[in-house]
C-alpha atoms as a PDB file:
ATOM      1  CA  MET A   1      34.412 -75.495 -34.940  1.00  0.00           C
ATOM      2  CA  LYS A   2      33.460 -72.147 -36.492  1.00  0.00           C
ATOM      3  CA  LYS A   3      36.023 -70.443 -34.231  1.00  0.00           C
ATOM      4  CA  THR A   4      38.696 -72.838 -35.449  1.00  0.00           C
ATOM      5  CA  ILE A   5      37.930 -72.225 -39.095  1.00  0.00           C
ATOM      6  CA  LEU A   6      37.751 -68.473 -38.566  1.00  0.00           C
ATOM      7  CA  LEU A   7      41.074 -68.404 -36.720  1.00  0.00           C
ATOM      8  CA  LEU A   8      42.804 -70.473 -39.373  1.00  0.00           C
ATOM      9  CA  SER A   9      41.305 -68.333 -42.114  1.00  0.00           C
ATOM     10  CA  LEU A  10      42.615 -65.174 -40.488  1.00  0.00           C
ATOM     11  CA  VAL A  11      46.068 -66.654 -40.073  1.00  0.00           C
ATOM     12  CA  CYS A  12      46.183 -67.483 -43.770  1.00  0.00           C
ATOM     13  CA  SER A  13      44.089 -64.548 -44.981  1.00  0.00           C
ATOM     14  CA  LEU A  14      42.166 -67.004 -47.104  1.00  0.00           C
ATOM     15  CA  ALA A  15      38.585 -68.258 -47.082  1.00  0.00           C
ATOM     16  CA  ALA A  16      38.346 -71.733 -45.569  1.00  0.00           C
ATOM     17  CA  SER A  17      34.933 -72.703 -46.835  1.00  0.00           C
ATOM     18  CA  ALA A  18      34.079 -74.583 -50.014  1.00  0.00           C
ATOM     19  CA  ALA A  19      33.009 -72.590 -53.031  1.00  0.00           C
ATOM     20  CA  GLU A  20      29.552 -72.962 -54.515  1.00  0.00           C
ATOM     21  CA  PRO A  21      29.051 -74.634 -57.893  1.00  0.00           C
ATOM     22  CA  GLY A  22      29.783 -72.307 -60.761  1.00  0.00           C
ATOM     23  CA  SER A  23      31.910 -69.817 -58.794  1.00  0.00           C
ATOM     24  CA  SER A  24      35.281 -70.881 -60.205  1.00  0.00           C
ATOM     25  CA  LYS A  25      36.918 -69.729 -63.410  1.00  0.00           C
ATOM     26  CA  GLU A  26      37.958 -72.979 -65.043  1.00  0.00           C
ATOM     27  CA  THR A  27      37.471 -76.716 -64.973  1.00  0.00           C
ATOM     28  CA  SER A  28      40.441 -78.673 -63.708  1.00  0.00           C
ATOM     29  CA  ASN A  29      39.795 -82.074 -65.238  1.00  0.00           C
ATOM     30  CA  GLY A  30      38.652 -83.997 -68.277  1.00  0.00           C
ATOM     31  CA  THR A  31      38.298 -87.229 -66.317  1.00  0.00           C
ATOM     32  CA  CYS A  32      35.795 -87.728 -63.509  1.00  0.00           C
ATOM     33  CA  PRO A  33      37.707 -87.800 -60.191  1.00  0.00           C
ATOM     34  CA  VAL A  34      35.236 -90.346 -58.793  1.00  0.00           C
ATOM     35  CA  THR A  35      34.769 -92.870 -61.615  1.00  0.00           C
ATOM     36  CA  GLY A  36      37.769 -92.243 -63.886  1.00  0.00           C
ATOM     37  CA  LYS A  37      35.387 -91.968 -66.835  1.00  0.00           C
ATOM     38  CA  PRO A  38      35.293 -88.984 -69.209  1.00  0.00           C
ATOM     39  CA  ALA A  39      33.820 -85.978 -67.417  1.00  0.00           C
ATOM     40  CA  ASP A  40      30.748 -84.106 -68.625  1.00  0.00           C
ATOM     41  CA  PRO A  41      31.623 -80.373 -68.603  1.00  0.00           C
ATOM     42  CA  ALA A  42      27.987 -79.603 -67.749  1.00  0.00           C
ATOM     43  CA  ILE A  43      28.185 -81.485 -64.417  1.00  0.00           C
ATOM     44  CA  THR A  44      30.517 -79.507 -62.163  1.00  0.00           C
ATOM     45  CA  TYR A  45      31.230 -78.536 -58.599  1.00  0.00           C
ATOM     46  CA  ALA A  46      33.589 -75.765 -57.487  1.00  0.00           C
ATOM     47  CA  TYR A  47      35.625 -76.455 -54.378  1.00  0.00           C
ATOM     48  CA  GLU A  48      38.360 -74.190 -53.033  1.00  0.00           C
ATOM     49  CA  GLY A  49      38.557 -72.237 -56.272  1.00  0.00           C
ATOM     50  CA  ILE A  50      38.802 -75.246 -58.593  1.00  0.00           C
ATOM     51  CA  THR A  51      35.875 -76.480 -60.663  1.00  0.00           C
ATOM     52  CA  TYR A  52      35.712 -80.257 -60.989  1.00  0.00           C
ATOM     53  CA  SER A  53      33.735 -81.988 -63.753  1.00  0.00           C
ATOM     54  CA  PHE A  54      32.025 -85.356 -63.244  1.00  0.00           C
ATOM     55  CA  ALA A  55      30.775 -88.231 -65.375  1.00  0.00           C
ATOM     56  CA  ASP A  56      27.303 -88.057 -63.827  1.00  0.00           C
ATOM     57  CA  GLU A  57      25.281 -86.487 -61.034  1.00  0.00           C
ATOM     58  CA  ALA A  58      25.880 -89.434 -58.666  1.00  0.00           C
ATOM     59  CA  SER A  59      29.633 -88.881 -58.961  1.00  0.00           C
ATOM     60  CA  ARG A  60      29.272 -85.178 -58.214  1.00  0.00           C
ATOM     61  CA  GLN A  61      27.168 -85.994 -55.143  1.00  0.00           C
ATOM     62  CA  LYS A  62      29.720 -88.539 -53.896  1.00  0.00           C
ATOM     63  CA  PHE A  63      32.520 -86.005 -54.331  1.00  0.00           C
ATOM     64  CA  THR A  64      30.638 -83.301 -52.401  1.00  0.00           C
ATOM     65  CA  ASN A  65      29.660 -85.744 -49.635  1.00  0.00           C
ATOM     66  CA  ASP A  66      33.246 -87.007 -49.359  1.00  0.00           C
ATOM     67  CA  ARG A  67      34.544 -83.439 -49.075  1.00  0.00           C
ATOM     68  CA  ALA A  68      32.006 -82.486 -46.408  1.00  0.00           C
ATOM     69  CA  GLY A  69      32.781 -85.599 -44.345  1.00  0.00           C
ATOM     70  CA  SER A  70      36.561 -85.435 -44.679  1.00  0.00           C
ATOM     71  CA  LEU A  71      38.908 -84.604 -41.832  1.00  0.00           C
ATOM     72  CA  TYR A  72      40.489 -82.156 -44.279  1.00  0.00           C
ATOM     73  CA  GLN A  73      37.273 -80.113 -44.460  1.00  0.00           C
ATOM     74  CA  LYS A  74      36.498 -80.471 -40.745  1.00  0.00           C
ATOM     75  CA  LEU A  75      39.928 -78.971 -40.007  1.00  0.00           C
ATOM     76  CA  GLY A  76      39.156 -76.014 -42.294  1.00  0.00           C
ATOM     77  CA  GLY A  77      40.316 -77.097 -45.761  1.00  0.00           C
ATOM     78  CA  LYS A  78      43.176 -75.534 -47.674  1.00  0.00           C
ATOM     79  CA  ALA A  79      43.418 -72.425 -45.505  1.00  0.00           C
ATOM     80  CA  ALA A  80      43.737 -74.504 -42.351  1.00  0.00           C
ATOM     81  CA  ILE A  81      46.387 -76.808 -43.810  1.00  0.00           C
ATOM     82  CA  ASP A  82      48.359 -73.821 -45.130  1.00  0.00           C
ATOM     83  CA  ALA A  83      48.265 -72.095 -41.741  1.00  0.00           C
ATOM     84  CA  ALA A  84      49.172 -75.250 -39.856  1.00  0.00           C
ATOM     85  CA  VAL A  85      52.153 -76.086 -42.080  1.00  0.00           C
ATOM     86  CA  GLU A  86      53.557 -72.562 -41.825  1.00  0.00           C
ATOM     87  CA  LEU A  87      53.349 -72.563 -38.013  1.00  0.00           C
ATOM     88  CA  PHE A  88      54.548 -76.181 -37.821  1.00  0.00           C
ATOM     89  CA  TYR A  89      57.798 -75.385 -39.635  1.00  0.00           C
ATOM     90  CA  VAL A  90      58.472 -72.408 -37.369  1.00  0.00           C
ATOM     91  CA  LYS A  91      58.452 -74.903 -34.503  1.00  0.00           C
ATOM     92  CA  VAL A  92      60.448 -77.595 -36.349  1.00  0.00           C
ATOM     93  CA  LEU A  93      63.182 -75.213 -37.496  1.00  0.00           C
ATOM     94  CA  ALA A  94      63.611 -73.924 -33.934  1.00  0.00           C
ATOM     95  CA  ASP A  95      64.064 -77.456 -32.545  1.00  0.00           C
ATOM     96  CA  LYS A  96      67.702 -78.601 -32.330  1.00  0.00           C
ATOM     97  CA  ARG A  97      66.560 -82.229 -32.143  1.00  0.00           C
ATOM     98  CA  VAL A  98      65.426 -82.163 -35.794  1.00  0.00           C
ATOM     99  CA  ASN A  99      66.233 -78.843 -37.501  1.00  0.00           C
ATOM    100  CA  TYR A 100      69.542 -80.114 -38.914  1.00  0.00           C
ATOM    101  CA  PHE A 101      67.559 -82.416 -41.228  1.00  0.00           C
ATOM    102  CA  PHE A 102      66.377 -79.253 -43.007  1.00  0.00           C
ATOM    103  CA  GLU A 103      69.701 -77.381 -43.322  1.00  0.00           C
ATOM    104  CA  ASP A 104      70.112 -77.862 -47.078  1.00  0.00           C
ATOM    105  CA  ILE A 105      66.410 -77.984 -47.931  1.00  0.00           C
ATOM    106  CA  ASN A 106      64.518 -75.406 -49.992  1.00  0.00           C
ATOM    107  CA  MET A 107      61.901 -74.626 -47.346  1.00  0.00           C
ATOM    108  CA  ASN A 108      59.400 -73.099 -49.767  1.00  0.00           C
ATOM    109  CA  LYS A 109      59.409 -76.336 -51.743  1.00  0.00           C
ATOM    110  CA  GLN A 110      59.319 -78.395 -48.538  1.00  0.00           C
ATOM    111  CA  LYS A 111      56.296 -76.499 -47.221  1.00  0.00           C
ATOM    112  CA  ARG A 112      54.481 -76.898 -50.543  1.00  0.00           C
ATOM    113  CA  LYS A 113      55.130 -80.659 -50.561  1.00  0.00           C
ATOM    114  CA  GLN A 114      54.032 -80.961 -46.922  1.00  0.00           C
ATOM    115  CA  LYS A 115      50.807 -79.064 -47.639  1.00  0.00           C
ATOM    116  CA  GLU A 116      50.077 -81.336 -50.604  1.00  0.00           C
ATOM    117  CA  PHE A 117      50.819 -84.480 -48.611  1.00  0.00           C
ATOM    118  CA  LEU A 118      48.792 -83.509 -45.532  1.00  0.00           C
ATOM    119  CA  SER A 119      45.876 -82.345 -47.662  1.00  0.00           C
ATOM    120  CA  ALA A 120      45.705 -85.674 -49.476  1.00  0.00           C
ATOM    121  CA  ALA A 121      46.267 -87.734 -46.312  1.00  0.00           C
ATOM    122  CA  LEU A 122      43.439 -85.931 -44.514  1.00  0.00           C
ATOM    123  CA  GLY A 123      40.917 -86.365 -47.343  1.00  0.00           C
ATOM    124  CA  GLY A 124      41.486 -83.372 -49.604  1.00  0.00           C
ATOM    125  CA  PRO A 125      40.341 -83.555 -53.222  1.00  0.00           C
ATOM    126  CA  ILE A 126      43.735 -83.603 -54.953  1.00  0.00           C
ATOM    127  CA  PRO A 127      45.772 -86.840 -54.782  1.00  0.00           C
ATOM    128  CA  TYR A 128      49.351 -86.616 -53.582  1.00  0.00           C
ATOM    129  CA  VAL A 129      51.769 -87.206 -56.473  1.00  0.00           C
ATOM    130  CA  GLY A 130      55.105 -86.691 -54.719  1.00  0.00           C
ATOM    131  CA  LYS A 131      57.574 -89.345 -53.584  1.00  0.00           C
ATOM    132  CA  ASP A 132      56.247 -92.064 -51.342  1.00  0.00           C
ATOM    133  CA  LEU A 133      57.219 -91.689 -47.686  1.00  0.00           C
ATOM    134  CA  ARG A 134      59.888 -94.396 -47.773  1.00  0.00           C
ATOM    135  CA  SER A 135      61.654 -92.891 -50.792  1.00  0.00           C
ATOM    136  CA  ALA A 136      61.368 -89.351 -49.444  1.00  0.00           C
ATOM    137  CA  HIS A 137      63.071 -90.244 -46.154  1.00  0.00           C
ATOM    138  CA  GLU A 138      65.500 -93.033 -47.099  1.00  0.00           C
ATOM    139  CA  SER A 139      68.461 -90.686 -47.516  1.00  0.00           C
ATOM    140  CA  LEU A 140      68.079 -89.250 -44.004  1.00  0.00           C
ATOM    141  CA  GLY A 141      70.659 -91.303 -42.162  1.00  0.00           C
ATOM    142  CA  GLY A 142      70.036 -91.780 -38.479  1.00  0.00           C
ATOM    143  CA  LEU A 143      66.325 -90.952 -38.624  1.00  0.00           C
ATOM    144  CA  ASN A 144      64.664 -92.731 -35.709  1.00  0.00           C
ATOM    145  CA  ASP A 145      61.659 -92.779 -33.369  1.00  0.00           C
ATOM    146  CA  THR A 146      62.986 -89.827 -31.361  1.00  0.00           C
ATOM    147  CA  HIS A 147      62.941 -87.664 -34.482  1.00  0.00           C
ATOM    148  CA  PHE A 148      59.509 -88.909 -35.559  1.00  0.00           C
ATOM    149  CA  ASP A 149      58.152 -88.190 -32.077  1.00  0.00           C
ATOM    150  CA  ALA A 150      59.615 -84.661 -32.119  1.00  0.00           C
ATOM    151  CA  ILE A 151      57.973 -83.901 -35.477  1.00  0.00           C
ATOM    152  CA  ALA A 152      54.661 -85.359 -34.297  1.00  0.00           C
ATOM    153  CA  GLU A 153      54.939 -83.304 -31.097  1.00  0.00           C
ATOM    154  CA  HIS A 154      55.284 -80.126 -33.159  1.00  0.00           C
ATOM    155  CA  LEU A 155      52.308 -80.994 -35.328  1.00  0.00           C
ATOM    156  CA  GLN A 156      50.146 -81.679 -32.289  1.00  0.00           C
ATOM    157  CA  ALA A 157      51.319 -78.439 -30.630  1.00  0.00           C
ATOM    158  CA  THR A 158      50.566 -76.542 -33.835  1.00  0.00           C
ATOM    159  CA  LEU A 159      47.016 -77.866 -34.055  1.00  0.00           C
ATOM    160  CA  THR A 160      46.480 -77.168 -30.360  1.00  0.00           C
ATOM    161  CA  GLU A 161      47.804 -73.614 -30.732  1.00  0.00           C
ATOM    162  CA  LEU A 162      45.417 -73.065 -33.641  1.00  0.00           C
ATOM    163  CA  LYS A 163      42.584 -74.189 -31.347  1.00  0.00           C
ATOM    164  CA  VAL A 164      41.588 -77.220 -33.385  1.00  0.00           C
ATOM    165  CA  ASP A 165      39.047 -79.444 -31.637  1.00  0.00           C
ATOM    166  CA  PRO A 166      40.911 -82.105 -29.584  1.00  0.00           C
ATOM    167  CA  GLN A 167      38.928 -84.936 -31.207  1.00  0.00           C
ATOM    168  CA  LEU A 168      40.029 -83.763 -34.666  1.00  0.00           C
ATOM    169  CA  ILE A 169      43.615 -83.470 -33.420  1.00  0.00           C
ATOM    170  CA  GLY A 170      43.400 -87.072 -32.257  1.00  0.00           C
ATOM    171  CA  GLN A 171      42.176 -88.191 -35.683  1.00  0.00           C
ATOM    172  CA  ALA A 172      44.915 -86.254 -37.476  1.00  0.00           C
ATOM    173  CA  MET A 173      47.605 -87.615 -35.155  1.00  0.00           C
ATOM    174  CA  ALA A 174      46.375 -91.183 -35.712  1.00  0.00           C
ATOM    175  CA  ILE A 175      46.825 -90.696 -39.457  1.00  0.00           C
ATOM    176  CA  VAL A 176      50.308 -89.252 -38.907  1.00  0.00           C
ATOM    177  CA  GLY A 177      51.166 -92.088 -36.526  1.00  0.00           C
ATOM    178  CA  SER A 178      50.226 -94.627 -39.172  1.00  0.00           C
ATOM    179  CA  THR A 179      53.126 -93.365 -41.315  1.00  0.00           C
ATOM    180  CA  ARG A 180      55.850 -94.114 -38.739  1.00  0.00           C
ATOM    181  CA  ASP A 181      57.135 -97.342 -40.303  1.00  0.00           C
ATOM    182  CA  ALA A 182      57.236 -95.847 -43.802  1.00  0.00           C
ATOM    183  CA  VAL A 183      59.029 -92.669 -42.673  1.00  0.00           C
ATOM    184  CA  LEU A 184      61.557 -94.694 -40.669  1.00  0.00           C
ATOM    185  CA  ASN A 185      61.959 -97.234 -43.493  1.00  0.00           C
ATOM    186  CA  ARG A 186      60.862-100.198 -41.419  1.00  0.00           C
ATOM    187  CA  PRO A 187      58.935-103.194 -42.686  1.00  0.00           C
ATOM    188  CA  ALA A 188      55.215-102.482 -42.570  1.00  0.00           C
ATOM    189  CA  LYS A 189      53.339-104.164 -39.724  1.00  0.00           C
ATOM    190  CA  PRO A 190      50.237-106.221 -40.443  1.00  0.00           C
ATOM    191  CA  ALA A 191      47.171-103.947 -40.271  1.00  0.00           C
ATOM    192  CA  ALA A 192      45.723-105.627 -37.167  1.00  0.00           C
ATOM    193  CA  ALA A 193      48.985-105.316 -35.221  1.00  0.00           C
ATOM    194  CA  ALA A 194      49.953-101.782 -36.297  1.00  0.00           C
ATOM    195  CA  THR A 195      49.700 -99.048 -33.725  1.00  0.00           C
ATOM    196  CA  THR A 196      48.890 -95.526 -34.782  1.00  0.00           C
ATOM    197  CA  ALA A 197      49.223 -93.662 -31.521  1.00  0.00           C
ATOM    198  CA  VAL A 198      51.528 -90.668 -31.534  1.00  0.00           C
ATOM    199  CA  PRO A 199      52.528 -88.917 -28.324  1.00  0.00           C
END
């Protein structure tokens, strides 16, 4: 795991570990991210360069425990997601099966949105506020399982190339697989019947 984080950090030239309390310049919130109550500026935790304030000590502890146990952190945090998205789009844009979907897209904006989405989906601290998956993909006429599988293939290849632990890759791919119906604008399957496997 340390090799994975180190590799991803070098690719991004960023530190992949969480910051210690008090090491960030400013507080990012006036509302506790755990309880939704007003935050106490004296109860803080700095994570990836952002200092979060909490309503109470129990909320701060829950936040730190959730970060440590998240797939996002196990993969290497922000630095890992940044590195993976950059490499992922190199692969996607070279693939004639799907690259035409990105012909008129501002790729800097697309990469930023993808980083935000993946970070949130994998347990990062900042909620995703972009379009929902159905809305974001509804204008892509002809989008089908073949395209979804190609994109998933590139994500899996990216994580493998970055030497991410296979078990963590499996967890990440299960999360990605769970978005298939939304991305392809299909009716959602009941939770018990839904399959999340991605090739």
